[in-house]
Amino acid sequence: MRGAAAGEMTMTRLETIATAQKKTRVRDAIFACFVALAAAISITTVTTAASAANVTQR
């Protein structure tokens, strides 16, 4: 009986760890999307500023 209870406890603990890892992966993916979006906005802003500076110099 003790072994079965320990096996169930281990399985529950493993399931808890697996669930936590899945949540972490989702959070990491969302963070990566925000970083990519910020990079795209930064590149667009720098390109626009460089274009404006180039037009001003003419």
PDB file of N, CA and C in Angstrom:
ATOM      1  N   MET A   1       0.829  -1.192   0.000  1.00  0.00           N
ATOM      2  CA  MET A   1       0.000   0.000   0.000  1.00  0.00           C
ATOM      3  C   MET A   1       0.870   1.252   0.000  1.00  0.00           C
ATOM      4  N   ARG A   2       1.939   1.186   0.740  1.00  0.00           N
ATOM      5  CA  ARG A   2       2.813   2.340   0.810  1.00  0.00           C
ATOM      6  C   ARG A   2       3.458   2.626  -0.545  1.00  0.00           C
ATOM      7  N   GLY A   3       3.847   1.568  -1.260  1.00  0.00           N
ATOM      8  CA  GLY A   3       4.461   1.734  -2.576  1.00  0.00           C
ATOM      9  C   GLY A   3       3.494   2.343  -3.574  1.00  0.00           C
ATOM     10  N   ALA A   4       2.251   1.915  -3.534  1.00  0.00           N
ATOM     11  CA  ALA A   4       1.250   2.450  -4.457  1.00  0.00           C
ATOM     12  C   ALA A   4       1.013   3.931  -4.173  1.00  0.00           C
ATOM     13  N   ALA A   5       0.938   4.260  -2.896  1.00  0.00           N
ATOM     14  CA  ALA A   5       0.721   5.661  -2.524  1.00  0.00           C
ATOM     15  C   ALA A   5       1.913   6.509  -2.962  1.00  0.00           C
ATOM     16  N   ALA A   6       3.108   5.973  -2.800  1.00  0.00           N
ATOM     17  CA  ALA A   6       4.305   6.706  -3.200  1.00  0.00           C
ATOM     18  C   ALA A   6       4.336   6.859  -4.720  1.00  0.00           C
ATOM     19  N   GLY A   7       3.911   5.814  -5.433  1.00  0.00           N
ATOM     20  CA  GLY A   7       3.855   5.876  -6.896  1.00  0.00           C
ATOM     21  C   GLY A   7       2.866   6.924  -7.359  1.00  0.00           C
ATOM     22  N   GLU A   8       1.727   6.996  -6.701  1.00  0.00           N
ATOM     23  CA  GLU A   8       0.722   7.997  -7.054  1.00  0.00           C
ATOM     24  C   GLU A   8       1.248   9.401  -6.747  1.00  0.00           C
ATOM     25  N   MET A   9       1.941   9.529  -5.641  1.00  0.00           N
ATOM     26  CA  MET A   9       2.481  10.827  -5.252  1.00  0.00           C
ATOM     27  C   MET A   9       3.524  11.273  -6.269  1.00  0.00           C
ATOM     28  N   THR A  10       4.388  10.338  -6.697  1.00  0.00           N
ATOM     29  CA  THR A  10       5.409  10.656  -7.685  1.00  0.00           C
ATOM     30  C   THR A  10       4.756  11.053  -9.003  1.00  0.00           C
ATOM     31  N   MET A  11       3.743  10.326  -9.420  1.00  0.00           N
ATOM     32  CA  MET A  11       3.054  10.634 -10.666  1.00  0.00           C
ATOM     33  C   MET A  11       2.412  12.015 -10.578  1.00  0.00           C
ATOM     34  N   THR A  12       1.796  12.314  -9.468  1.00  0.00           N
ATOM     35  CA  THR A  12       1.176  13.620  -9.298  1.00  0.00           C
ATOM     36  C   THR A  12       2.237  14.714  -9.351  1.00  0.00           C
ATOM     37  N   ARG A  13       3.353  14.460  -8.723  1.00  0.00           N
ATOM     38  CA  ARG A  13       4.441  15.442  -8.724  1.00  0.00           C
ATOM     39  C   ARG A  13       4.986  15.631 -10.135  1.00  0.00           C
ATOM     40  N   LEU A  14       5.144  14.532 -10.870  1.00  0.00           N
ATOM     41  CA  LEU A  14       5.627  14.629 -12.243  1.00  0.00           C
ATOM     42  C   LEU A  14       4.634  15.378 -13.125  1.00  0.00           C
ATOM     43  N   GLU A  15       3.365  15.131 -12.913  1.00  0.00           N
ATOM     44  CA  GLU A  15       2.341  15.856 -13.674  1.00  0.00           C
ATOM     45  C   GLU A  15       2.390  17.349 -13.355  1.00  0.00           C
ATOM     46  N   THR A  16       2.603  17.663 -12.090  1.00  0.00           N
ATOM     47  CA  THR A  16       2.706  19.066 -11.682  1.00  0.00           C
ATOM     48  C   THR A  16       3.898  19.736 -12.357  1.00  0.00           C
ATOM     49  N   ILE A  17       5.022  19.047 -12.383  1.00  0.00           N
ATOM     50  CA  ILE A  17       6.222  19.585 -13.027  1.00  0.00           C
ATOM     51  C   ILE A  17       5.985  19.770 -14.526  1.00  0.00           C
ATOM     52  N   ALA A  18       5.356  18.780 -15.168  1.00  0.00           N
ATOM     53  CA  ALA A  18       5.082  18.868 -16.605  1.00  0.00           C
ATOM     54  C   ALA A  18       4.161  20.043 -16.913  1.00  0.00           C
ATOM     55  N   THR A  19       3.158  20.245 -16.081  1.00  0.00           N
ATOM     56  CA  THR A  19       2.234  21.365 -16.282  1.00  0.00           C
ATOM     57  C   THR A  19       2.959  22.692 -16.125  1.00  0.00           C
ATOM     58  N   ALA A  20       3.808  22.788 -15.126  1.00  0.00           N
ATOM     59  CA  ALA A  20       4.569  24.021 -14.904  1.00  0.00           C
ATOM     60  C   ALA A  20       5.482  24.311 -16.095  1.00  0.00           C
ATOM     61  N   GLN A  21       6.094  23.278 -16.659  1.00  0.00           N
ATOM     62  CA  GLN A  21       6.976  23.473 -17.812  1.00  0.00           C
ATOM     63  C   GLN A  21       6.188  23.937 -19.029  1.00  0.00           C
ATOM     64  N   LYS A  22       4.988  23.408 -19.215  1.00  0.00           N
ATOM     65  CA  LYS A  22       4.153  23.838 -20.345  1.00  0.00           C
ATOM     66  C   LYS A  22       3.796  25.312 -20.211  1.00  0.00           C
ATOM     67  N   LYS A  23       3.449  25.732 -18.997  1.00  0.00           N
ATOM     68  CA  LYS A  23       3.111  27.138 -18.773  1.00  0.00           C
ATOM     69  C   LYS A  23       4.322  28.027 -19.039  1.00  0.00           C
ATOM     70  N   THR A  24       5.500  27.552 -18.640  1.00  0.00           N
ATOM     71  CA  THR A  24       6.726  28.315 -18.855  1.00  0.00           C
ATOM     72  C   THR A  24       7.010  28.455 -20.343  1.00  0.00           C
ATOM     73  N   ARG A  25       6.779  27.384 -21.099  1.00  0.00           N
ATOM     74  CA  ARG A  25       7.013  27.443 -22.546  1.00  0.00           C
ATOM     75  C   ARG A  25       6.078  28.435 -23.211  1.00  0.00           C
ATOM     76  N   VAL A  26       4.830  28.444 -22.794  1.00  0.00           N
ATOM     77  CA  VAL A  26       3.867  29.392 -23.361  1.00  0.00           C
ATOM     78  C   VAL A  26       4.291  30.818 -23.031  1.00  0.00           C
ATOM     79  N   ARG A  27       4.679  31.044 -21.786  1.00  0.00           N
ATOM     80  CA  ARG A  27       5.129  32.381 -21.375  1.00  0.00           C
ATOM     81  C   ARG A  27       6.362  32.803 -22.174  1.00  0.00           C
ATOM     82  N   ASP A  28       7.307  31.877 -22.377  1.00  0.00           N
ATOM     83  CA  ASP A  28       8.510  32.177 -23.156  1.00  0.00           C
ATOM     84  C   ASP A  28       8.169  32.496 -24.611  1.00  0.00           C
ATOM     85  N   ALA A  29       7.215  31.773 -25.179  1.00  0.00           N
ATOM     86  CA  ALA A  29       6.810  32.022 -26.567  1.00  0.00           C
ATOM     87  C   ALA A  29       6.160  33.396 -26.702  1.00  0.00           C
ATOM     88  N   ILE A  30       5.316  33.753 -25.750  1.00  0.00           N
ATOM     89  CA  ILE A  30       4.677  35.074 -25.776  1.00  0.00           C
ATOM     90  C   ILE A  30       5.736  36.168 -25.640  1.00  0.00           C
ATOM     91  N   PHE A  31       6.689  35.965 -24.749  1.00  0.00           N
ATOM     92  CA  PHE A  31       7.773  36.935 -24.571  1.00  0.00           C
ATOM     93  C   PHE A  31       8.573  37.094 -25.866  1.00  0.00           C
ATOM     94  N   ALA A  32       8.871  35.974 -26.525  1.00  0.00           N
ATOM     95  CA  ALA A  32       9.622  36.022 -27.785  1.00  0.00           C
ATOM     96  C   ALA A  32       8.851  36.794 -28.852  1.00  0.00           C
ATOM     97  N   CYS A  33       7.531  36.637 -28.876  1.00  0.00           N
ATOM     98  CA  CYS A  33       6.704  37.392 -29.832  1.00  0.00           C
ATOM     99  C   CYS A  33       6.788  38.886 -29.559  1.00  0.00           C
ATOM    100  N   PHE A  34       6.729  39.266 -28.297  1.00  0.00           N
ATOM    101  CA  PHE A  34       6.830  40.687 -27.953  1.00  0.00           C
ATOM    102  C   PHE A  34       8.207  41.250 -28.307  1.00  0.00           C
ATOM    103  N   VAL A  35       9.253  40.472 -28.094  1.00  0.00           N
ATOM    104  CA  VAL A  35      10.603  40.921 -28.447  1.00  0.00           C
ATOM    105  C   VAL A  35      10.715  41.105 -29.959  1.00  0.00           C
ATOM    106  N   ALA A  36      10.162  40.163 -30.725  1.00  0.00           N
ATOM    107  CA  ALA A  36      10.189  40.281 -32.185  1.00  0.00           C
ATOM    108  C   ALA A  36       9.405  41.504 -32.647  1.00  0.00           C
ATOM    109  N   LEU A  37       8.266  41.758 -32.032  1.00  0.00           N
ATOM    110  CA  LEU A  37       7.460  42.932 -32.375  1.00  0.00           C
ATOM    111  C   LEU A  37       8.223  44.223 -32.064  1.00  0.00           C
ATOM    112  N   ALA A  38       8.861  44.262 -30.899  1.00  0.00           N
ATOM    113  CA  ALA A  38       9.649  45.445 -30.520  1.00  0.00           C
ATOM    114  C   ALA A  38      10.804  45.659 -31.497  1.00  0.00           C
ATOM    115  N   ALA A  39      11.441  44.585 -31.927  1.00  0.00           N
ATOM    116  CA  ALA A  39      12.541  44.699 -32.890  1.00  0.00           C
ATOM    117  C   ALA A  39      12.036  45.243 -34.222  1.00  0.00           C
ATOM    118  N   ALA A  40      10.893  44.760 -34.669  1.00  0.00           N
ATOM    119  CA  ALA A  40      10.326  45.237 -35.936  1.00  0.00           C
ATOM    120  C   ALA A  40       9.980  46.722 -35.854  1.00  0.00           C
ATOM    121  N   ILE A  41       9.399  47.131 -34.742  1.00  0.00           N
ATOM    122  CA  ILE A  41       9.053  48.547 -34.559  1.00  0.00           C
ATOM    123  C   ILE A  41      10.322  49.399 -34.514  1.00  0.00           C
ATOM    124  N   SER A  42      11.351  48.915 -33.839  1.00  0.00           N
ATOM    125  CA  SER A  42      12.619  49.650 -33.755  1.00  0.00           C
ATOM    126  C   SER A  42      13.251  49.817 -35.128  1.00  0.00           C
ATOM    127  N   ILE A  43      13.266  48.749 -35.904  1.00  0.00           N
ATOM    128  CA  ILE A  43      13.855  48.815 -37.247  1.00  0.00           C
ATOM    129  C   ILE A  43      13.080  49.806 -38.112  1.00  0.00           C
ATOM    130  N   THR A  44      11.760  49.753 -38.022  1.00  0.00           N
ATOM    131  CA  THR A  44      10.929  50.682 -38.795  1.00  0.00           C
ATOM    132  C   THR A  44      11.201  52.126 -38.388  1.00  0.00           C
ATOM    133  N   THR A  45      11.302  52.365 -37.092  1.00  0.00           N
ATOM    134  CA  THR A  45      11.553  53.720 -36.590  1.00  0.00           C
ATOM    135  C   THR A  45      12.913  54.235 -37.041  1.00  0.00           C
ATOM    136  N   VAL A  46      13.930  53.408 -36.942  1.00  0.00           N
ATOM    137  CA  VAL A  46      15.277  53.817 -37.353  1.00  0.00           C
ATOM    138  C   VAL A  46      15.317  54.067 -38.858  1.00  0.00           C
ATOM    139  N   THR A  47      14.666  53.215 -39.625  1.00  0.00           N
ATOM    140  CA  THR A  47      14.624  53.398 -41.079  1.00  0.00           C
ATOM    141  C   THR A  47      13.930  54.706 -41.442  1.00  0.00           C
ATOM    142  N   THR A  48      12.821  54.996 -40.778  1.00  0.00           N
ATOM    143  CA  THR A  48      12.090  56.241 -41.029  1.00  0.00           C
ATOM    144  C   THR A  48      12.942  57.450 -40.654  1.00  0.00           C
ATOM    145  N   ALA A  49      13.608  57.385 -39.523  1.00  0.00           N
ATOM    146  CA  ALA A  49      14.464  58.495 -39.082  1.00  0.00           C
ATOM    147  C   ALA A  49      15.629  58.698 -40.047  1.00  0.00           C
ATOM    148  N   ALA A  50      16.225  57.610 -40.514  1.00  0.00           N
ATOM    149  CA  ALA A  50      17.340  57.714 -41.459  1.00  0.00           C
ATOM    150  C   ALA A  50      16.864  58.316 -42.777  1.00  0.00           C
ATOM    151  N   SER A  51      15.691  57.921 -43.215  1.00  0.00           N
ATOM    152  CA  SER A  51      15.118  58.479 -44.444  1.00  0.00           C
ATOM    153  C   SER A  51      14.864  59.972 -44.293  1.00  0.00           C
ATOM    154  N   ALA A  52      14.305  60.359 -43.176  1.00  0.00           N
ATOM    155  CA  ALA A  52      14.015  61.773 -42.923  1.00  0.00           C
ATOM    156  C   ALA A  52      15.310  62.584 -42.866  1.00  0.00           C
ATOM    157  N   ALA A  53      16.338  62.037 -42.257  1.00  0.00           N
ATOM    158  CA  ALA A  53      17.622  62.729 -42.170  1.00  0.00           C
ATOM    159  C   ALA A  53      18.240  62.878 -43.554  1.00  0.00           C
ATOM    160  N   ASN A  54      18.084  61.855 -44.376  1.00  0.00           N
ATOM    161  CA  ASN A  54      18.630  61.883 -45.725  1.00  0.00           C
ATOM    162  C   ASN A  54      17.925  62.949 -46.564  1.00  0.00           C
ATOM    163  N   VAL A  55      16.618  63.069 -46.435  1.00  0.00           N
ATOM    164  CA  VAL A  55      15.851  64.070 -47.176  1.00  0.00           C
ATOM    165  C   VAL A  55      16.231  65.468 -46.706  1.00  0.00           C
ATOM    166  N   THR A  56      16.457  65.633 -45.414  1.00  0.00           N
ATOM    167  CA  THR A  56      16.818  66.932 -44.848  1.00  0.00           C
ATOM    168  C   THR A  56      18.176  67.396 -45.365  1.00  0.00           C
ATOM    169  N   GLN A  57      19.091  66.479 -45.591  1.00  0.00           N
ATOM    170  CA  GLN A  57      20.441  66.831 -46.045  1.00  0.00           C
ATOM    171  C   GLN A  57      20.473  67.275 -47.501  1.00  0.00           C
ATOM    172  N   ARG A  58      19.473  66.952 -48.284  1.00  0.00           N
ATOM    173  CA  ARG A  58      19.476  67.297 -49.720  1.00  0.00           C
ATOM    174  C   ARG A  58      19.380  68.754 -49.944  1.00  0.00           C
TER     175      ARG A  58
END
